[in-house]
Amino acid sequence: QGPLVESGGGLVQAGDSLRLSCAASGRTASTSAMGWFRQTPGKEREFVAAISWTGGIKSYANSVEGRFTISRDDAKNTMYLQMNSLKPEDTAVYYCATGSTTSKLRGGAIQYWGQGTQVTVSS
């Protein structure tokens, strides 16, 4: 396993909720911003959400603003993505990542990637 391991993906219906987790090994993310990206076949990986290392700054893609909530528990070395009111267009492989800041992470300057977890939302 790599330094970041995602879990929590699955198959749900439209309108349901799901919570993804990203466990970081050691001090991989202790002073790093963390975030989520997603990718569907044939498309580029796109930014979903990011959180600063203190947790005080959060950033979201317009497509998920108000439905998804990012958080982190540094005591557990784990980041979460609570996804509510899921839509079929949220179907993708979700990847967690670390970066030096939320803005750099959002811009694609990634230190580490996870291996991804599949989220499928049926209509």
N, C-alpha and C. Protein backbone atom coordinates (compact mmCIF):
# COMPACT_ATOMS: atom_id res chain seq x y z
N GLN A 1 0.82 -1.19 0.00
CA GLN A 1 0.00 0.00 0.00
C GLN A 1 0.87 1.25 0.00
N GLY A 2 0.32 2.33 -0.62
CA GLY A 2 1.02 3.59 -0.66
C GLY A 2 0.78 4.40 0.58
N PRO A 3 1.25 5.65 0.57
CA PRO A 3 1.09 6.50 1.75
C PRO A 3 -0.34 6.98 1.99
N LEU A 4 -1.21 6.87 0.98
CA LEU A 4 -2.60 7.28 1.13
C LEU A 4 -3.49 6.12 0.68
N VAL A 5 -4.47 5.77 1.49
CA VAL A 5 -5.37 4.67 1.16
C VAL A 5 -6.81 5.13 1.33
N GLU A 6 -7.57 5.09 0.23
CA GLU A 6 -8.98 5.48 0.27
C GLU A 6 -9.86 4.28 0.60
N SER A 7 -11.02 4.57 1.16
CA SER A 7 -12.04 3.55 1.40
C SER A 7 -13.40 4.22 1.47
N GLY A 8 -14.45 3.41 1.40
CA GLY A 8 -15.80 3.93 1.55
C GLY A 8 -16.61 4.05 0.28
N GLY A 9 -15.99 3.76 -0.86
CA GLY A 9 -16.74 3.82 -2.11
C GLY A 9 -17.76 2.71 -2.19
N GLY A 10 -18.65 2.82 -3.17
CA GLY A 10 -19.65 1.79 -3.35
C GLY A 10 -20.71 2.19 -4.34
N LEU A 11 -21.77 1.39 -4.39
CA LEU A 11 -22.90 1.63 -5.29
C LEU A 11 -24.08 2.13 -4.46
N VAL A 12 -24.59 3.31 -4.82
CA VAL A 12 -25.73 3.90 -4.12
C VAL A 12 -26.72 4.44 -5.14
N GLN A 13 -27.88 4.80 -4.66
CA GLN A 13 -28.90 5.39 -5.52
C GLN A 13 -28.84 6.92 -5.45
N ALA A 14 -29.36 7.55 -6.47
CA ALA A 14 -29.42 9.01 -6.49
C ALA A 14 -30.15 9.51 -5.25
N GLY A 15 -29.59 10.55 -4.62
CA GLY A 15 -30.18 11.10 -3.41
C GLY A 15 -29.58 10.53 -2.13
N ASP A 16 -28.88 9.42 -2.24
CA ASP A 16 -28.26 8.79 -1.07
C ASP A 16 -27.00 9.55 -0.64
N SER A 17 -26.44 9.12 0.49
CA SER A 17 -25.20 9.69 1.01
C SER A 17 -24.13 8.62 1.10
N LEU A 18 -22.89 9.07 1.10
CA LEU A 18 -21.75 8.18 1.20
C LEU A 18 -20.61 8.97 1.85
N ARG A 19 -19.78 8.29 2.65
CA ARG A 19 -18.62 8.96 3.23
C ARG A 19 -17.35 8.23 2.82
N LEU A 20 -16.47 8.96 2.18
CA LEU A 20 -15.16 8.42 1.82
C LEU A 20 -14.15 8.76 2.89
N SER A 21 -13.19 7.87 3.07
CA SER A 21 -12.10 8.10 4.01
C SER A 21 -10.77 7.98 3.28
N CYS A 22 -9.78 8.72 3.75
CA CYS A 22 -8.43 8.63 3.21
C CYS A 22 -7.48 8.56 4.40
N ALA A 23 -6.87 7.41 4.58
CA ALA A 23 -5.95 7.21 5.68
C ALA A 23 -4.52 7.46 5.20
N ALA A 24 -3.82 8.31 5.93
CA ALA A 24 -2.44 8.64 5.58
C ALA A 24 -1.49 7.91 6.52
N SER A 25 -0.44 7.38 5.96
CA SER A 25 0.52 6.65 6.78
C SER A 25 1.57 7.61 7.35
N GLY A 26 1.99 7.33 8.57
CA GLY A 26 3.03 8.12 9.20
C GLY A 26 2.72 9.60 9.21
N ARG A 27 3.73 10.38 8.81
CA ARG A 27 3.58 11.83 8.80
C ARG A 27 3.34 12.37 7.39
N THR A 28 2.81 11.49 6.51
CA THR A 28 2.59 11.87 5.11
C THR A 28 1.82 13.17 4.97
N ALA A 29 0.78 13.34 5.82
CA ALA A 29 -0.10 14.49 5.63
C ALA A 29 -0.14 15.40 6.85
N SER A 30 0.79 15.24 7.79
CA SER A 30 0.69 15.95 9.06
C SER A 30 0.70 17.47 8.88
N THR A 31 1.46 18.00 7.94
CA THR A 31 1.48 19.46 7.72
C THR A 31 1.15 19.79 6.28
N SER A 32 0.39 18.92 5.64
CA SER A 32 0.03 19.12 4.24
C SER A 32 -1.45 19.38 4.09
N ALA A 33 -1.78 20.12 3.05
CA ALA A 33 -3.17 20.20 2.63
C ALA A 33 -3.56 18.84 2.05
N MET A 34 -4.81 18.51 2.15
CA MET A 34 -5.31 17.26 1.59
C MET A 34 -6.54 17.55 0.74
N GLY A 35 -6.80 16.67 -0.19
CA GLY A 35 -7.95 16.93 -1.04
C GLY A 35 -8.44 15.70 -1.77
N TRP A 36 -9.52 15.89 -2.50
CA TRP A 36 -10.14 14.83 -3.29
C TRP A 36 -10.26 15.27 -4.75
N PHE A 37 -9.98 14.34 -5.62
CA PHE A 37 -10.19 14.49 -7.05
C PHE A 37 -11.04 13.32 -7.52
N ARG A 38 -11.60 13.43 -8.71
CA ARG A 38 -12.35 12.30 -9.27
C ARG A 38 -12.11 12.22 -10.76
N GLN A 39 -12.31 11.02 -11.28
CA GLN A 39 -12.05 10.81 -12.70
C GLN A 39 -13.01 9.78 -13.26
N THR A 40 -13.53 10.07 -14.45
CA THR A 40 -14.36 9.12 -15.18
C THR A 40 -13.61 8.73 -16.45
N PRO A 41 -13.93 7.58 -17.03
CA PRO A 41 -13.21 7.11 -18.23
C PRO A 41 -13.23 8.13 -19.35
N GLY A 42 -12.08 8.39 -19.92
CA GLY A 42 -11.98 9.30 -21.04
C GLY A 42 -11.91 10.76 -20.67
N LYS A 43 -11.96 11.06 -19.38
CA LYS A 43 -11.90 12.45 -18.94
C LYS A 43 -10.71 12.68 -18.03
N GLU A 44 -10.30 13.94 -17.93
CA GLU A 44 -9.21 14.27 -17.04
C GLU A 44 -9.67 14.22 -15.58
N ARG A 45 -8.71 13.97 -14.72
CA ARG A 45 -9.01 13.99 -13.30
C ARG A 45 -9.38 15.42 -12.89
N GLU A 46 -10.48 15.56 -12.14
CA GLU A 46 -10.94 16.89 -11.77
C GLU A 46 -10.96 17.09 -10.27
N PHE A 47 -10.74 18.32 -9.87
CA PHE A 47 -10.72 18.68 -8.46
C PHE A 47 -12.13 18.60 -7.88
N VAL A 48 -12.21 18.11 -6.64
CA VAL A 48 -13.50 18.03 -5.94
C VAL A 48 -13.49 18.92 -4.70
N ALA A 49 -12.51 18.73 -3.81
CA ALA A 49 -12.48 19.49 -2.56
C ALA A 49 -11.07 19.43 -1.97
N ALA A 50 -10.75 20.42 -1.14
CA ALA A 50 -9.46 20.46 -0.47
C ALA A 50 -9.61 21.08 0.90
N ILE A 51 -8.70 20.71 1.79
CA ILE A 51 -8.70 21.24 3.16
C ILE A 51 -7.26 21.52 3.56
N SER A 52 -7.05 22.65 4.23
CA SER A 52 -5.70 23.01 4.66
C SER A 52 -5.24 22.11 5.80
N TRP A 53 -3.95 22.18 6.12
CA TRP A 53 -3.43 21.28 7.14
C TRP A 53 -3.98 21.60 8.52
N THR A 54 -4.41 22.84 8.73
CA THR A 54 -5.04 23.20 10.00
C THR A 54 -6.54 22.91 10.00
N GLY A 55 -7.08 22.69 8.82
CA GLY A 55 -8.52 22.49 8.70
C GLY A 55 -9.31 23.78 8.59
N GLY A 56 -8.62 24.90 8.65
CA GLY A 56 -9.31 26.18 8.66
C GLY A 56 -9.73 26.70 7.30
N ILE A 57 -9.12 26.16 6.25
CA ILE A 57 -9.46 26.57 4.88
C ILE A 57 -10.00 25.37 4.13
N LYS A 58 -11.17 25.54 3.53
CA LYS A 58 -11.78 24.49 2.72
C LYS A 58 -12.16 25.07 1.37
N SER A 59 -12.00 24.26 0.35
CA SER A 59 -12.29 24.69 -1.00
C SER A 59 -13.06 23.59 -1.72
N TYR A 60 -14.06 23.98 -2.51
CA TYR A 60 -14.90 23.00 -3.20
C TYR A 60 -15.08 23.37 -4.66
N ALA A 61 -15.25 22.36 -5.48
CA ALA A 61 -15.66 22.58 -6.86
C ALA A 61 -17.11 23.05 -6.86
N ASN A 62 -17.46 23.88 -7.83
CA ASN A 62 -18.84 24.39 -7.89
C ASN A 62 -19.86 23.25 -7.96
N SER A 63 -19.49 22.17 -8.62
CA SER A 63 -20.42 21.07 -8.85
C SER A 63 -20.80 20.33 -7.58
N VAL A 64 -20.01 20.48 -6.51
CA VAL A 64 -20.29 19.75 -5.27
C VAL A 64 -20.55 20.67 -4.09
N GLU A 65 -20.37 21.97 -4.28
CA GLU A 65 -20.58 22.95 -3.21
C GLU A 65 -21.99 22.80 -2.64
N GLY A 66 -22.08 22.71 -1.31
CA GLY A 66 -23.37 22.57 -0.65
C GLY A 66 -23.84 21.13 -0.49
N ARG A 67 -23.21 20.20 -1.20
CA ARG A 67 -23.59 18.78 -1.08
C ARG A 67 -22.50 17.94 -0.42
N PHE A 68 -21.25 18.30 -0.67
CA PHE A 68 -20.12 17.56 -0.13
C PHE A 68 -19.46 18.38 0.98
N THR A 69 -18.92 17.67 1.98
CA THR A 69 -18.20 18.32 3.07
C THR A 69 -16.89 17.58 3.31
N ILE A 70 -15.80 18.33 3.29
CA ILE A 70 -14.48 17.75 3.54
C ILE A 70 -14.08 18.03 4.98
N SER A 71 -13.42 17.08 5.61
CA SER A 71 -12.94 17.26 6.98
C SER A 71 -11.71 16.38 7.18
N ARG A 72 -11.02 16.60 8.28
CA ARG A 72 -9.86 15.79 8.60
C ARG A 72 -9.77 15.61 10.11
N ASP A 73 -9.24 14.45 10.50
CA ASP A 73 -9.00 14.14 11.90
C ASP A 73 -7.53 13.76 12.00
N ASP A 74 -6.69 14.71 12.38
CA ASP A 74 -5.26 14.47 12.38
C ASP A 74 -4.85 13.48 13.47
N ALA A 75 -5.64 13.33 14.49
CA ALA A 75 -5.34 12.32 15.52
C ALA A 75 -5.41 10.92 14.93
N LYS A 76 -6.23 10.78 13.88
CA LYS A 76 -6.38 9.48 13.20
C LYS A 76 -5.67 9.46 11.85
N ASN A 77 -4.99 10.57 11.51
CA ASN A 77 -4.32 10.66 10.20
C ASN A 77 -5.29 10.34 9.06
N THR A 78 -6.49 10.84 9.18
CA THR A 78 -7.53 10.49 8.21
C THR A 78 -8.29 11.73 7.75
N MET A 79 -8.60 11.75 6.46
CA MET A 79 -9.43 12.80 5.86
C MET A 79 -10.72 12.15 5.39
N TYR A 80 -11.79 12.93 5.39
CA TYR A 80 -13.10 12.40 5.00
C TYR A 80 -13.74 13.27 3.93
N LEU A 81 -14.63 12.67 3.17
CA LEU A 81 -15.47 13.41 2.25
C LEU A 81 -16.89 12.89 2.44
N GLN A 82 -17.72 13.70 3.09
CA GLN A 82 -19.13 13.36 3.26
C GLN A 82 -19.87 13.83 2.02
N MET A 83 -20.50 12.91 1.32
CA MET A 83 -21.19 13.22 0.07
C MET A 83 -22.68 12.98 0.27
N ASN A 84 -23.44 14.03 0.19
CA ASN A 84 -24.90 13.97 0.33
C ASN A 84 -25.58 14.30 -0.99
N SER A 85 -26.84 13.93 -1.10
CA SER A 85 -27.64 14.22 -2.30
C SER A 85 -26.88 13.83 -3.56
N LEU A 86 -26.38 12.62 -3.56
CA LEU A 86 -25.56 12.17 -4.69
C LEU A 86 -26.37 12.11 -5.98
N LYS A 87 -25.68 12.40 -7.08
CA LYS A 87 -26.29 12.41 -8.40
C LYS A 87 -25.55 11.41 -9.29
N PRO A 88 -26.19 10.92 -10.33
CA PRO A 88 -25.49 9.99 -11.24
C PRO A 88 -24.20 10.60 -11.80
N GLU A 89 -24.16 11.91 -12.00
CA GLU A 89 -22.95 12.53 -12.53
C GLU A 89 -21.81 12.59 -11.52
N ASP A 90 -22.07 12.19 -10.28
CA ASP A 90 -21.00 12.07 -9.29
C ASP A 90 -20.26 10.73 -9.43
N THR A 91 -20.75 9.86 -10.28
CA THR A 91 -20.10 8.58 -10.50
C THR A 91 -18.70 8.77 -11.04
N ALA A 92 -17.71 8.19 -10.36
CA ALA A 92 -16.31 8.35 -10.74
C ALA A 92 -15.43 7.53 -9.80
N VAL A 93 -14.16 7.43 -10.15
CA VAL A 93 -13.16 6.96 -9.20
C VAL A 93 -12.67 8.18 -8.43
N TYR A 94 -12.73 8.11 -7.13
CA TYR A 94 -12.33 9.22 -6.27
C TYR A 94 -10.93 8.95 -5.71
N TYR A 95 -10.07 9.95 -5.85
CA TYR A 95 -8.70 9.85 -5.38
C TYR A 95 -8.44 10.89 -4.31
N CYS A 96 -7.71 10.52 -3.27
CA CYS A 96 -7.25 11.52 -2.32
C CYS A 96 -5.82 11.90 -2.66
N ALA A 97 -5.43 13.07 -2.20
CA ALA A 97 -4.12 13.60 -2.56
C ALA A 97 -3.65 14.56 -1.47
N THR A 98 -2.35 14.79 -1.45
CA THR A 98 -1.78 15.81 -0.56
C THR A 98 -1.05 16.85 -1.40
N GLY A 99 -0.96 18.04 -0.85
CA GLY A 99 -0.25 19.14 -1.49
C GLY A 99 0.21 20.11 -0.43
N SER A 100 1.06 21.05 -0.81
CA SER A 100 1.61 21.97 0.18
C SER A 100 0.55 22.95 0.70
N THR A 101 -0.33 23.40 -0.19
CA THR A 101 -1.42 24.30 0.19
C THR A 101 -2.68 23.90 -0.58
N THR A 102 -3.83 24.39 -0.14
CA THR A 102 -5.07 24.06 -0.83
C THR A 102 -5.07 24.61 -2.25
N SER A 103 -4.54 25.81 -2.44
CA SER A 103 -4.54 26.40 -3.78
C SER A 103 -3.61 25.63 -4.72
N LYS A 104 -2.45 25.22 -4.23
CA LYS A 104 -1.53 24.45 -5.08
C LYS A 104 -2.10 23.07 -5.36
N LEU A 105 -2.72 22.48 -4.36
CA LEU A 105 -3.33 21.16 -4.57
C LEU A 105 -4.43 21.28 -5.61
N ARG A 106 -5.26 22.30 -5.47
CA ARG A 106 -6.35 22.51 -6.42
C ARG A 106 -5.80 22.73 -7.83
N GLY A 107 -4.62 23.33 -7.92
CA GLY A 107 -4.02 23.57 -9.23
C GLY A 107 -3.28 22.38 -9.79
N GLY A 108 -3.25 21.27 -9.04
CA GLY A 108 -2.64 20.06 -9.56
C GLY A 108 -1.24 19.77 -9.08
N ALA A 109 -0.74 20.58 -8.16
CA ALA A 109 0.60 20.33 -7.60
C ALA A 109 0.45 19.33 -6.46
N ILE A 110 0.60 18.06 -6.81
CA ILE A 110 0.30 16.96 -5.89
C ILE A 110 1.58 16.32 -5.37
N GLN A 111 1.61 16.08 -4.06
CA GLN A 111 2.75 15.38 -3.46
C GLN A 111 2.54 13.86 -3.52
N TYR A 112 1.37 13.41 -3.11
CA TYR A 112 1.04 11.99 -3.11
C TYR A 112 -0.39 11.78 -3.59
N TRP A 113 -0.61 10.66 -4.28
CA TRP A 113 -1.94 10.21 -4.69
C TRP A 113 -2.27 8.91 -3.97
N GLY A 114 -3.57 8.73 -3.73
CA GLY A 114 -4.05 7.43 -3.30
C GLY A 114 -4.33 6.57 -4.52
N GLN A 115 -4.80 5.35 -4.29
CA GLN A 115 -5.03 4.42 -5.39
C GLN A 115 -6.43 4.52 -5.98
N GLY A 116 -7.32 5.24 -5.29
CA GLY A 116 -8.67 5.48 -5.80
C GLY A 116 -9.71 4.53 -5.24
N THR A 117 -10.94 5.01 -5.16
CA THR A 117 -12.07 4.19 -4.74
C THR A 117 -13.26 4.53 -5.64
N GLN A 118 -13.98 3.52 -6.11
CA GLN A 118 -15.06 3.72 -7.06
C GLN A 118 -16.35 4.11 -6.34
N VAL A 119 -16.97 5.16 -6.85
CA VAL A 119 -18.30 5.57 -6.41
C VAL A 119 -19.23 5.51 -7.61
N THR A 120 -20.31 4.76 -7.46
CA THR A 120 -21.28 4.63 -8.54
C THR A 120 -22.66 5.02 -8.01
N VAL A 121 -23.28 5.98 -8.69
CA VAL A 121 -24.59 6.47 -8.29
C VAL A 121 -25.59 6.12 -9.38
N SER A 122 -26.55 5.30 -9.05
CA SER A 122 -27.55 4.88 -10.04
C SER A 122 -28.75 5.82 -9.99
N SER A 123 -29.40 5.96 -11.13
CA SER A 123 -30.55 6.88 -11.21
C SER A 123 -31.85 6.17 -10.88
